Protein backbone atom coordinates (compact mmCIF):
# COMPACT_ATOMS: atom_id res chain seq x y z
CA UNK A 1 74.53 212.38 125.60
CA UNK A 2 74.07 208.84 124.30
CA UNK A 3 77.03 207.39 122.42
CA UNK A 4 76.54 206.65 118.70
CA UNK A 5 79.15 203.89 118.91
CA UNK A 6 77.61 202.08 121.89
CA UNK A 7 75.16 199.28 121.15
CA UNK A 8 71.81 199.22 122.87
CA UNK A 9 70.40 196.35 124.90
CA UNK A 10 68.82 195.03 121.68
CA UNK A 11 72.15 195.24 119.85
CA UNK A 12 71.24 198.30 117.82
CA UNK A 13 73.26 201.39 117.07
CA UNK A 14 71.45 204.69 117.67
CA UNK A 15 72.18 207.42 115.16
CA UNK A 16 71.12 211.05 115.00
CA UNK A 17 72.02 212.80 111.79
CA UNK A 18 73.14 216.43 111.70
CA UNK A 19 70.99 219.04 109.96
CA UNK A 20 71.41 222.46 108.41
CA UNK A 21 70.34 224.96 111.07
CA UNK A 22 69.50 227.62 108.48
CA UNK A 23 67.16 225.21 106.64
CA UNK A 24 65.55 224.33 109.97
CA UNK A 25 64.85 227.97 110.73
CA UNK A 26 63.43 228.48 107.22
CA UNK A 27 61.02 225.58 107.69
CA UNK A 28 59.93 226.85 111.10
CA UNK A 29 59.11 230.29 109.72
CA UNK A 30 57.56 229.17 106.43
CA UNK A 31 55.28 226.49 107.87
CA UNK A 32 54.88 227.69 111.47
CA UNK A 33 56.50 224.57 112.91
CA UNK A 34 58.03 223.73 116.25
CA UNK A 35 61.85 223.60 115.96
CA UNK A 36 61.82 219.87 116.69
CA UNK A 37 59.39 219.20 113.81
CA UNK A 38 61.51 221.06 111.29
CA UNK A 39 64.52 219.02 112.44
CA UNK A 40 62.60 215.76 112.02
CA UNK A 41 61.59 216.71 108.48
CA UNK A 42 65.15 217.54 107.49
CA UNK A 43 66.49 214.33 109.05
CA UNK A 44 64.14 212.47 106.69
CA UNK A 45 66.01 213.95 103.73
CA UNK A 46 63.06 216.17 102.80
CA UNK A 47 64.25 219.45 101.34
CA UNK A 48 62.84 222.86 102.16
CA UNK A 49 61.34 222.92 98.65
CA UNK A 50 59.60 219.54 99.09
CA UNK A 51 58.34 220.18 102.61
CA UNK A 52 55.00 221.61 101.48
CA UNK A 53 54.17 218.46 99.48
CA UNK A 54 55.25 216.36 102.46
CA UNK A 55 53.06 218.29 104.90
CA UNK A 56 50.07 218.54 102.55
CA UNK A 57 50.24 215.56 100.17
CA UNK A 58 47.65 215.40 97.38
CA UNK A 59 47.04 212.97 94.53
CA UNK A 60 47.00 215.84 92.04
CA UNK A 61 50.52 216.95 92.95
CA UNK A 62 52.12 213.50 93.12
CA UNK A 63 50.46 211.24 90.51
CA UNK A 64 52.08 211.26 87.09
CA UNK A 65 50.35 210.25 83.86
CA UNK A 66 49.52 206.52 84.23
CA UNK A 67 50.08 206.04 80.50
CA UNK A 68 53.80 206.44 81.15
CA UNK A 69 53.71 202.85 82.41
CA UNK A 70 54.51 200.27 79.76
CA UNK A 71 51.44 198.42 78.40
CA UNK A 72 49.00 200.67 80.30
CA UNK A 73 47.30 201.90 77.12
CA UNK A 74 47.16 198.33 75.79
CA UNK A 75 45.42 197.22 79.00
CA UNK A 76 42.89 200.06 78.80
CA UNK A 77 42.19 199.39 75.13
CA UNK A 78 41.53 195.69 75.75
CA UNK A 79 39.17 196.40 78.67
CA UNK A 80 37.23 198.98 76.64
CA UNK A 81 36.82 196.38 73.92
CA UNK A 82 35.59 193.82 76.46
CA UNK A 83 33.07 196.30 77.86
CA UNK A 84 31.82 197.21 74.39
CA UNK A 85 31.43 193.57 73.34
CA UNK A 86 29.89 192.55 76.69
CA UNK A 87 32.61 189.97 77.30
CA UNK A 88 32.85 188.10 80.60
CA UNK A 89 35.59 189.56 82.80
CA UNK A 90 37.18 187.91 85.84
CA UNK A 91 39.49 189.45 88.43
CA UNK A 92 42.27 187.11 89.61
CA UNK A 93 44.22 188.21 92.69
CA UNK A 94 46.66 187.12 95.37
CA UNK A 95 45.31 186.06 98.77
CA UNK A 96 46.96 188.80 100.85
CA UNK A 97 45.70 192.31 101.69
CA UNK A 98 47.21 193.83 98.56
CA UNK A 99 45.43 191.24 96.44
CA UNK A 100 42.16 191.71 98.33
CA UNK A 101 42.24 195.51 98.03
CA UNK A 102 43.32 195.65 94.38
CA UNK A 103 40.67 193.11 93.33
CA UNK A 104 37.97 194.86 95.39
CA UNK A 105 38.99 198.20 93.92
CA UNK A 106 38.56 197.01 90.33
CA UNK A 107 35.37 195.07 91.01
CA UNK A 108 33.77 198.08 92.75
CA UNK A 109 34.66 200.25 89.75
CA UNK A 110 33.10 197.80 87.29
CA UNK A 111 30.06 197.40 89.51
CA UNK A 112 29.57 201.16 89.55
CA UNK A 113 29.53 201.29 85.74
CA UNK A 114 27.06 198.41 85.63
CA UNK A 115 29.31 195.42 84.91
CA UNK A 116 29.47 192.25 86.99
CA UNK A 117 32.86 190.58 87.24
CA UNK A 118 33.96 187.20 88.47
CA UNK A 119 36.53 186.68 91.22
CA UNK A 120 39.20 184.03 91.61
CA UNK A 121 41.66 184.01 94.50
CA UNK A 122 43.81 180.87 94.70
CA UNK A 123 43.85 178.86 97.89
CA UNK A 124 47.10 179.49 99.75
CA UNK A 125 47.56 175.87 100.78
CA UNK A 126 46.11 173.95 97.84
CA UNK A 127 47.32 176.19 94.99
CA UNK A 128 49.96 178.50 96.43
CA UNK A 129 50.89 181.95 95.20
CA UNK A 130 49.97 183.30 91.79
CA UNK A 131 48.48 181.84 88.64
CA UNK A 132 48.38 178.14 87.84
CA UNK A 133 47.42 176.16 84.76
CA UNK A 134 44.40 174.43 86.33
CA UNK A 135 42.97 177.77 87.41
CA UNK A 136 43.36 179.21 83.90
CA UNK A 137 41.61 176.22 82.42
CA UNK A 138 38.79 176.39 84.96
CA UNK A 139 38.25 180.09 84.26
CA UNK A 140 38.09 179.46 80.53
CA UNK A 141 35.65 176.59 81.06
CA UNK A 142 33.35 179.06 82.85
CA UNK A 143 33.22 181.11 79.63
CA UNK A 144 35.30 184.06 80.75
CA UNK A 145 37.05 185.94 77.95
CA UNK A 146 39.32 188.28 79.88
CA UNK A 147 41.26 187.97 83.14
CA UNK A 148 42.65 190.99 84.99
CA UNK A 149 45.37 189.65 87.28
CA UNK A 150 46.25 191.68 90.41
CA UNK A 151 49.34 191.35 92.61
CA UNK A 152 50.62 188.32 90.73
CA UNK A 153 51.37 187.13 87.20
CA UNK A 154 54.75 188.75 86.50
CA UNK A 155 56.57 185.42 86.55
CA UNK A 156 53.62 183.13 85.65
CA UNK A 157 55.17 181.94 82.38
CA UNK A 158 53.55 178.53 82.02
CA UNK A 159 50.04 179.46 83.26
CA UNK A 160 49.86 182.50 80.99
CA UNK A 161 51.21 180.53 78.04
CA UNK A 162 48.42 178.04 78.65
CA UNK A 163 45.88 180.87 78.88
CA UNK A 164 47.00 182.17 75.49
CA UNK A 165 46.82 178.68 74.02
CA UNK A 166 43.18 178.23 75.08
CA UNK A 167 42.12 181.71 73.97
CA UNK A 168 41.95 183.39 77.38
CA UNK A 169 43.23 186.96 77.35
CA UNK A 170 45.13 188.13 80.43
CA UNK A 171 46.09 191.58 81.70
CA UNK A 172 48.62 191.68 84.56
CA UNK A 173 48.66 194.53 87.09
CA UNK A 174 51.57 193.80 89.42
CA UNK A 175 54.53 195.26 91.28
CA UNK A 176 56.75 192.27 92.03
CA UNK A 177 60.32 191.85 90.84
CA UNK A 178 60.53 191.12 87.11
CA UNK A 179 62.90 189.08 84.98
CA UNK A 180 64.40 190.03 81.60
CA UNK A 181 61.74 187.96 79.86
CA UNK A 182 58.04 188.51 80.49
CA UNK A 183 55.19 186.00 80.22
CA UNK A 184 52.88 186.05 77.20
CA UNK A 185 49.81 188.18 77.83
CA UNK A 186 47.82 191.07 76.39
CA UNK A 187 49.44 193.59 78.71
CA UNK A 188 51.77 193.47 81.71
CA UNK A 189 51.68 196.68 83.73
CA UNK A 190 54.43 196.65 86.33
CA UNK A 191 56.56 199.65 87.35
CA UNK A 192 59.52 197.32 87.87
CA UNK A 193 59.70 196.09 84.27
CA UNK A 194 63.33 196.20 83.20
CA UNK A 195 62.36 198.07 80.01
CA UNK A 196 60.61 200.83 81.98
CA UNK A 197 62.23 204.29 81.95
CA UNK A 198 64.08 205.09 85.16
CA UNK A 199 62.17 208.29 85.91
CA UNK A 200 58.90 206.34 85.65
CA UNK A 201 60.27 203.61 87.91
CA UNK A 202 61.29 206.20 90.48
CA UNK A 203 57.73 207.52 90.73
CA UNK A 204 55.50 204.50 90.16
CA UNK A 205 57.98 202.01 91.63
CA UNK A 206 56.75 202.88 95.12
CA UNK A 207 53.29 201.46 94.39
CA UNK A 208 51.79 198.21 95.59
CA UNK A 209 49.38 196.28 93.37
CA UNK A 210 46.43 198.30 94.67
CA UNK A 211 48.31 201.44 93.64
CA UNK A 212 48.97 200.02 90.16
CA UNK A 213 45.29 199.07 89.92
CA UNK A 214 44.33 202.63 90.90
CA UNK A 215 46.55 204.00 88.12
CA UNK A 216 44.93 201.58 85.66
CA UNK A 217 41.46 202.80 86.65
CA UNK A 218 42.64 206.41 86.32
CA UNK A 219 43.77 205.71 82.76
CA UNK A 220 40.54 203.86 82.01
CA UNK A 221 38.43 206.63 83.54
CA UNK A 222 40.19 209.25 81.43
CA UNK A 223 39.26 207.52 78.17
CA UNK A 224 35.69 206.96 79.36
CA UNK A 225 35.40 210.69 80.11
CA UNK A 226 36.63 211.47 76.60
CA UNK A 227 34.02 209.07 75.24
CA UNK A 228 31.40 210.93 77.32
CA UNK A 229 29.99 207.92 79.19
CA UNK A 230 27.15 208.65 81.58
CA UNK A 231 28.76 207.03 84.64
CA UNK A 232 32.27 208.16 85.55
CA UNK A 233 33.23 206.85 89.02
CA UNK A 234 35.06 209.22 91.36
CA UNK A 235 38.29 207.35 92.03
CA UNK A 236 38.97 209.40 95.16
CA UNK A 237 36.17 207.34 96.76
CA UNK A 238 38.37 204.24 96.41
CA UNK A 239 41.46 205.60 98.14
CA UNK A 240 40.61 203.89 101.44
CA UNK A 241 41.20 200.55 99.73
CA UNK A 242 44.43 201.70 98.08
CA UNK A 243 45.66 203.05 101.42
CA UNK A 244 44.96 199.74 103.15
CA UNK A 245 46.87 197.78 100.49
CA UNK A 246 49.78 200.25 100.58
CA UNK A 247 50.28 200.10 104.34
CA UNK A 248 49.78 196.35 104.68
CA UNK A 249 52.19 195.59 101.84
CA UNK A 250 54.74 197.72 103.72
CA UNK A 251 55.35 200.13 100.86
CA UNK A 252 57.36 203.34 101.44
CA UNK A 253 55.09 206.20 102.50
CA UNK A 254 56.76 208.68 100.20
CA UNK A 255 55.58 210.62 97.16
CA UNK A 256 52.37 209.24 95.69
CA UNK A 257 52.02 206.67 98.47
CA UNK A 258 52.03 209.36 101.14
CA UNK A 259 49.23 211.14 99.30
CA UNK A 260 47.27 207.88 98.86
CA UNK A 261 47.44 206.93 102.53
CA UNK A 262 46.84 210.46 103.79
CA UNK A 263 43.72 210.91 101.66
CA UNK A 264 42.63 207.29 102.18
CA UNK A 265 42.65 207.63 105.97
CA UNK A 266 40.43 210.70 105.74
CA UNK A 267 38.00 208.74 103.58
CA UNK A 268 38.12 205.77 105.95
CA UNK A 269 37.11 208.01 108.82
CA UNK A 270 33.85 208.71 106.96
CA UNK A 271 33.26 204.92 106.75
CA UNK A 272 31.87 205.00 103.21
CA UNK A 273 33.03 201.45 102.50
CA UNK A 274 30.48 199.14 104.19
CA UNK A 275 32.93 196.26 104.52
CA UNK A 276 35.72 198.36 105.96
CA UNK A 277 33.29 199.93 108.42
CA UNK A 278 32.21 196.48 109.65
CA UNK A 279 35.84 195.38 109.94
CA UNK A 280 36.70 198.47 111.98
CA UNK A 281 33.87 197.66 114.38
CA UNK A 282 34.97 194.07 115.06
CA UNK A 283 38.60 195.22 115.29
CA UNK A 284 37.81 197.78 117.96
CA UNK A 285 38.96 200.71 115.80
CA UNK A 286 36.65 203.42 117.09
CA UNK A 287 39.11 206.32 117.04
CA UNK A 288 40.30 208.22 113.99
CA UNK A 289 41.99 205.50 111.91
CA UNK A 290 45.75 205.73 111.41
CA UNK A 291 48.29 203.72 109.42
CA UNK A 292 48.93 201.81 112.67
CA UNK A 293 45.31 200.61 112.72
CA UNK A 294 45.57 199.55 109.08
CA UNK A 295 48.74 197.55 109.62
CA UNK A 296 47.99 195.97 112.99
CA UNK A 297 44.20 195.73 113.24
CA UNK A 298 42.50 195.66 109.82
CA UNK A 299 45.22 194.05 107.71
CA UNK A 300 45.78 190.94 109.86
CA UNK A 301 42.04 190.18 109.84
CA UNK A 302 41.81 190.41 106.06
CA UNK A 303 44.93 188.29 105.76
CA UNK A 304 43.44 185.71 108.13
CA UNK A 305 40.98 184.64 105.44
CA UNK A 306 43.84 183.59 103.17
CA UNK A 307 45.89 182.13 106.03
CA UNK A 308 43.45 179.91 107.93
CA UNK A 309 40.02 180.60 106.38
CA UNK A 310 38.73 181.12 102.84
CA UNK A 311 41.00 183.03 100.48
CA UNK A 312 38.32 185.23 98.88
CA UNK A 313 36.67 186.46 102.09
CA UNK A 314 38.72 189.65 102.38
CA UNK A 315 38.04 190.75 98.83
CA UNK A 316 34.33 189.98 99.15
CA UNK A 317 34.12 191.94 102.41
CA UNK A 318 35.71 195.00 100.83
CA UNK A 319 33.40 194.80 97.82
CA UNK A 320 30.00 194.22 99.41
CA UNK A 321 27.39 196.97 99.83
CA UNK A 322 25.18 194.87 102.11
CA UNK A 323 25.63 195.66 105.86
CA UNK A 324 24.48 192.21 106.99
CA UNK A 325 26.89 190.42 104.65
CA UNK A 326 29.66 192.77 105.75
CA UNK A 327 28.98 192.11 109.43
CA UNK A 328 28.98 188.33 108.89
CA UNK A 329 32.22 188.34 106.88
CA UNK A 330 33.94 190.71 109.31
CA UNK A 331 33.05 188.53 112.28
CA UNK A 332 34.27 185.41 110.48
CA UNK A 333 37.58 187.08 109.63
CA UNK A 334 37.95 188.21 113.24
CA UNK A 335 37.43 184.60 114.37
CA UNK A 336 39.99 183.33 111.85
CA UNK A 337 42.47 185.93 113.08
CA UNK A 338 42.12 184.67 116.66
CA UNK A 339 42.75 181.15 115.37
CA UNK A 340 45.78 182.42 113.46
CA UNK A 341 47.23 183.91 116.66
CA UNK A 342 47.02 180.55 118.42
CA UNK A 343 48.66 178.70 115.54
CA UNK A 344 51.36 181.37 115.31
CA UNK A 345 52.20 181.19 119.02
CA UNK A 346 52.65 177.40 118.90
CA UNK A 347 54.76 177.57 115.75
CA UNK A 348 57.03 180.30 117.13
CA UNK A 349 57.60 178.41 120.38
CA UNK A 350 58.70 175.36 118.39
CA UNK A 351 60.82 177.46 116.04
CA UNK A 352 62.74 179.26 118.80
CA UNK A 353 63.64 175.97 120.46
CA UNK A 354 64.89 174.58 117.16
CA UNK A 355 66.88 177.70 116.29
CA UNK A 356 68.64 177.67 119.66
CA UNK A 357 69.22 173.90 119.77
CA UNK A 358 70.63 173.73 116.23
CA UNK A 359 72.33 177.16 116.46
CA UNK A 360 70.66 178.26 113.24
CA UNK A 361 71.16 181.87 114.35
CA UNK A 362 74.83 181.49 113.42
CA UNK A 363 73.96 181.29 109.70
CA UNK A 364 73.75 184.54 107.70
CA UNK A 365 70.19 183.61 106.70
CA UNK A 366 68.10 181.62 109.16
CA UNK A 367 66.36 178.80 107.31
CA UNK A 368 64.05 176.78 109.51
CA UNK A 369 61.61 174.09 108.46
CA UNK A 370 59.24 171.58 109.95
CA UNK A 371 56.72 169.03 108.83
CA UNK A 372 53.05 170.02 109.02
CA UNK A 373 53.53 173.64 110.04
CA UNK A 374 50.59 175.71 108.82
CA UNK A 375 51.62 177.33 105.49
CA UNK A 376 49.29 180.24 106.17
CA UNK A 377 51.31 181.48 109.14
CA UNK A 378 54.90 181.01 108.00
CA UNK A 379 55.20 184.59 106.73
CA UNK A 380 54.29 186.06 110.10
CA UNK A 381 56.62 183.60 111.84
CA UNK A 382 59.48 184.62 109.52
CA UNK A 383 58.86 188.26 110.37
CA UNK A 384 58.90 187.62 114.13
CA UNK A 385 62.09 185.54 113.96
CA UNK A 386 63.77 188.16 111.79
CA UNK A 387 62.95 190.83 114.37
CA UNK A 388 64.28 188.70 117.23
CA UNK A 389 67.61 187.76 115.63
CA UNK A 390 68.13 190.73 113.26
CA UNK A 391 68.79 188.34 110.40
CA UNK A 392 66.97 187.43 107.16
CA UNK A 393 64.72 184.47 107.88
CA UNK A 394 62.98 181.88 105.74
CA UNK A 395 60.40 179.56 107.29
CA UNK A 396 59.35 176.46 105.35
CA UNK A 397 56.36 174.22 106.01
CA UNK A 398 56.78 170.74 104.53
CA UNK A 399 53.97 168.39 103.67
CA UNK A 400 55.49 165.18 102.47
CA UNK A 401 58.34 165.72 100.03
CA UNK A 402 57.48 169.31 99.14
CA UNK A 403 57.31 172.50 101.15
CA UNK A 404 56.14 176.09 100.89
CA UNK A 405 58.31 178.84 102.33
CA UNK A 406 58.10 182.50 103.18
CA UNK A 407 60.99 184.85 103.86
CA UNK A 408 61.53 188.26 105.44
CA UNK A 409 64.75 190.26 105.15
CA UNK A 410 66.67 193.13 106.71
CA UNK A 411 67.83 196.35 104.98
CA UNK A 412 70.63 195.76 102.51
CA UNK A 413 69.88 192.06 101.93
CA UNK A 414 67.76 191.70 98.76
CA UNK A 415 66.07 188.30 98.84
CA UNK A 416 63.93 188.80 95.69
CA UNK A 417 66.54 188.24 92.95
CA UNK A 418 68.08 185.42 95.00
CA UNK A 419 64.82 183.48 94.76
CA UNK A 420 64.76 183.85 90.97
CA UNK A 421 68.37 182.65 90.75
CA UNK A 422 67.60 179.66 92.98
CA UNK A 423 64.78 178.69 90.63
CA UNK A 424 67.07 178.94 87.59
CA UNK A 425 69.60 176.74 89.39
CA UNK A 426 66.81 174.17 90.02
CA UNK A 427 67.22 174.54 93.76
CA UNK A 428 63.68 175.88 94.14
CA UNK A 429 60.53 174.83 92.31
CA UNK A 430 59.13 178.37 92.46
CA UNK A 431 60.26 181.60 94.04
CA UNK A 432 59.95 185.35 93.88
CA UNK A 433 58.93 188.50 95.70
CA UNK A 434 60.44 191.78 96.90
CA UNK A 435 63.74 192.71 98.47
CA UNK A 436 62.21 192.35 101.93
CA UNK A 437 59.60 189.59 101.47
CA UNK A 438 59.62 186.44 99.33
CA UNK A 439 57.73 183.21 98.79
CA UNK A 440 58.95 179.88 97.50
CA UNK A 441 58.30 176.20 96.89
CA UNK A 442 60.99 173.57 97.40
CA UNK A 443 61.58 169.82 97.42
CA UNK A 444 62.75 168.52 100.78
CA UNK A 445 65.85 166.92 99.27
CA UNK A 446 67.04 170.36 98.07
CA UNK A 447 66.85 172.02 101.51
CA UNK A 448 70.57 171.65 102.27
CA UNK A 449 71.44 172.98 98.81
CA UNK A 450 69.16 175.96 99.39
CA UNK A 451 70.76 176.74 102.74
CA UNK A 452 74.25 176.49 101.20
CA UNK A 453 73.16 178.74 98.32
CA UNK A 454 71.97 181.44 100.75
CA UNK A 455 75.10 181.20 102.91
CA UNK A 456 77.32 181.62 99.87
CA UNK A 457 75.29 184.53 98.51
CA UNK A 458 74.66 186.55 101.66
CA UNK A 459 77.46 185.75 104.15
CA UNK A 460 79.29 189.02 103.52
CA UNK A 461 76.13 191.18 103.37
CA UNK A 462 74.82 189.89 106.68
CA UNK A 463 78.22 190.02 108.36
CA UNK A 464 78.41 193.73 107.53
CA UNK A 465 74.85 194.41 108.63
CA UNK A 466 74.49 196.49 111.78
CA UNK A 467 70.92 197.21 112.93
CA UNK A 468 70.44 200.95 113.32
CA UNK A 469 67.76 203.00 115.04
CA UNK A 470 67.40 206.54 113.74
CA UNK A 471 66.99 209.12 116.50
CA UNK A 472 64.84 212.14 115.65
CA UNK A 473 65.50 214.11 118.82
CA UNK A 474 66.54 214.10 122.46
CA UNK A 475 63.86 214.96 125.02
CA UNK A 476 63.65 215.56 128.73
CA UNK A 477 60.76 213.99 130.65
CA UNK A 478 59.14 217.42 130.93
CA UNK A 479 59.47 217.74 127.14
CA UNK A 480 56.98 214.91 126.58
CA UNK A 481 53.80 216.97 126.58
CA UNK A 482 50.48 217.29 124.77
CA UNK A 483 51.61 220.10 122.44
CA UNK A 484 54.45 217.96 121.11
CA UNK A 485 52.18 214.93 120.70
CA UNK A 486 49.58 216.95 118.76
CA UNK A 487 52.20 218.61 116.55
CA UNK A 488 53.60 215.21 115.53
CA UNK A 489 50.25 214.46 113.90
CA UNK A 490 51.31 216.86 111.12
CA UNK A 491 53.92 214.31 110.04
CA UNK A 492 51.50 211.40 109.67
CA UNK A 493 50.85 208.98 108.10
CA UNK A 494 53.72 206.95 109.52
CA UNK A 495 54.97 203.65 108.17
CA UNK A 496 57.71 202.26 105.95
CA UNK A 497 59.78 205.15 104.58
CA UNK A 498 58.25 207.63 107.03
CA UNK A 499 58.67 205.90 110.35
CA UNK A 500 57.19 207.08 113.63
CA UNK A 501 59.60 209.66 115.11
CA UNK A 502 61.91 208.21 117.75
CA UNK A 503 63.20 210.16 120.72
CA UNK A 504 65.78 209.50 123.41
CA UNK A 505 65.11 210.26 127.07
CA UNK A 506 68.56 210.60 128.60
CA UNK A 507 69.59 209.64 132.13
CA UNK A 508 66.36 208.20 133.50
CA UNK A 509 65.67 205.18 135.66
CA UNK A 510 62.77 202.72 135.82
CA UNK A 511 61.42 203.84 139.19
CA UNK A 512 58.44 201.48 139.06
CA UNK A 513 57.63 198.56 136.77
CA UNK A 514 54.38 196.58 136.58
CA UNK A 515 53.62 193.68 134.23
CA UNK A 516 50.39 194.14 132.26
CA UNK A 517 48.67 192.07 129.61
CA UNK A 518 50.52 189.48 127.59
CA UNK A 519 54.20 190.20 128.21
CA UNK A 520 53.92 194.00 128.43
CA UNK A 521 55.29 196.35 131.11
CA UNK A 522 53.99 199.65 132.42
CA UNK A 523 57.06 201.64 133.47
CA UNK A 524 57.40 204.83 135.50
CA UNK A 525 60.52 206.66 134.33
CA UNK A 526 62.19 209.17 136.64
CA UNK A 527 64.89 211.75 135.92
CA UNK A 528 67.46 213.27 138.28
CA UNK A 529 65.11 216.09 139.20
CA UNK A 530 62.40 213.70 140.38
CA UNK A 531 60.17 214.31 137.33
CA UNK A 532 58.28 211.18 136.26
CA UNK A 533 56.69 209.85 133.09
CA UNK A 534 54.37 206.90 132.58
CA UNK A 535 55.53 204.71 129.66
CA UNK A 536 54.61 201.38 128.06
CA UNK A 537 56.93 198.65 126.82
CA UNK A 538 55.26 196.01 124.65
CA UNK A 539 56.32 192.37 124.23
CA UNK A 540 59.33 192.63 126.54
CA UNK A 541 58.86 189.51 128.62
CA UNK A 542 61.68 187.02 128.01
CA UNK A 543 63.67 189.58 126.04
CA UNK A 544 66.89 191.40 127.02
CA UNK A 545 64.79 194.49 127.77
CA UNK A 546 62.99 192.75 130.63
CA UNK A 547 66.10 192.26 132.74
CA UNK A 548 67.15 195.89 132.32
CA UNK A 549 63.73 197.46 132.95
CA UNK A 550 62.98 195.52 136.12
CA UNK A 551 66.20 196.72 137.75
CA UNK A 552 65.26 200.06 139.29
CA UNK A 553 68.94 200.76 140.01
CA UNK A 554 69.74 201.04 136.29
CA UNK A 555 70.51 204.45 134.84
CA UNK A 556 69.27 204.42 131.25
CA UNK A 557 68.92 206.21 127.99
CA UNK A 558 65.48 205.21 126.68
CA UNK A 559 64.47 205.20 123.00
CA UNK A 560 60.79 205.42 122.15
CA UNK A 561 57.93 207.30 120.55
CA UNK A 562 55.43 209.92 121.65
CA UNK A 563 51.78 209.44 120.78
CA UNK A 564 48.73 211.65 121.12
CA UNK A 565 45.91 209.90 122.98
CA UNK A 566 42.42 210.77 124.15
CA UNK A 567 41.13 208.80 127.16
CA UNK A 568 37.80 209.58 128.83
CA UNK A 569 37.67 212.84 126.87
CA UNK A 570 41.06 213.88 128.25
CA UNK A 571 44.05 214.51 126.00
CA UNK A 572 47.40 213.02 126.94
CA UNK A 573 50.88 212.39 125.56
CA UNK A 574 51.89 208.74 125.83
CA UNK A 575 55.43 207.37 125.60
CA UNK A 576 56.19 203.91 124.20
CA UNK A 577 59.56 202.27 124.89
CA UNK A 578 61.37 200.55 122.00
CA UNK A 579 64.89 200.07 123.30
CA UNK A 580 67.25 201.14 126.08
CA UNK A 581 70.93 201.81 126.51
CA UNK A 582 72.53 201.36 129.92
CA UNK A 583 74.48 204.49 130.84
CA UNK A 584 77.45 203.15 132.79
CA UNK A 585 79.03 206.62 132.98
CA UNK A 586 76.30 208.13 135.16
CA UNK A 587 76.07 207.24 138.83
CA UNK A 588 72.71 206.38 140.31
CA UNK A 589 73.37 208.66 143.26
CA UNK A 590 72.62 211.60 140.99
CA UNK A 591 68.95 210.66 141.21
CA UNK A 592 66.90 212.16 144.02
């Protein structure tokens, strides 16, 4: 048995939590589950009573009354007034996937009820995140009366004050961390408002901006039904967009989010959204879409528009009903994503050299900066560096005396409030975000102060941080079979808060290893009885895993996941290696 106190090759502690055997048996009998599946469910802190909702999530059973959110009824009332008076409405959104999906969601709704809306998505490089005064003035000059702001606006004090001054009404639909004071606007709908009731926060606080926008449309639709309008859109038809925003913004797949993504994936399979269908084609997503496809195939291409292309391309793709336009936009986004990969690879190579040379990995928070790095790729770079060093990371791209930064954190280290405090201390020009992801602007001459601020704030948190991998079960090689792989599909969708189940194969050796693709290995694992299993290990070249896997004399415990695959019309169970632990207590001679 693997040792909970021994660290893996990647420096992680593997933990398998105990469960109540009686509860496990109850789940097996009540839901006709394999014993291993019932154990996985219980290890995810899902009670016997909640298991049915987990296994069969629906919007009806998980969505509370949207009017419980502060300012929701104010927002609906103002939009109804704008519709009645034929006012000009513009949707303003962030340049990431959550912004693209939430803006597309609202624009498709308005289009269905016969109303054209404008779209404004700020340029990532020229304007940066969120609202700005020049944008508000430009929108007003174009004779818009009402702005619905998605995935931004919660801390846009000066821009929204200017909007009010020039007679431009603004509604904010957001989910980012709030401050005690809120900007001046008609309505600010955000589950994380400090004046929001705790029970409402606990339910709606899981939502991304697309989820908040969906709740807003549900509240709006309800009043329109009461007013007996002829056209009442079916909001279920928009869940593919909400699912995409939820997965790509790395929101927990629990409660309402699990229902959104589960139902959204079913809708996506029918390819009702012309833009999404075109994007799936260029992304090579021909199988039944999963949360993995959303996060690693569709999302990066939509994001590429805001990173290295045009910021509004993703939203326009998701809104269009014209197949030719969709095909053109999807192909352009695919091209921009390939360009993004090249820029990212160069930036990461430079960053790793700098981190090692300057020993930045010794700091509790890695802060790395360079002149003329592409601001559109710093978020991805921060994520990669964080994964490599298991430390919160902030990457800053300077142009002249000012830089834009993006940060990614680890569990237990909340970067969001720290950014707000750094702004109040005049260390940062702007800053905000979530616990796990933040953005900022900074003057170059405050970089040392910023690094010192982070060291002082997070030294103890990071020192106490020990990366942990949760183990869902221990398998033999013969236990990795098609029935198990198919049964695991019942637990999907997987993602943040409902991670892909991880299993340990104990006492196996890498009998054969072959490099494939860009830094990947195909590995044949063998147990003491001579049973073998084909497995894949991705992105292992030049990592500690490489040295261990290429040594066929090593006796290992292997951590990974089991996936159901269909290849050439044949079903198979695939195993993907995440980490290994060298078993020094088992002699190699025990292998045949």
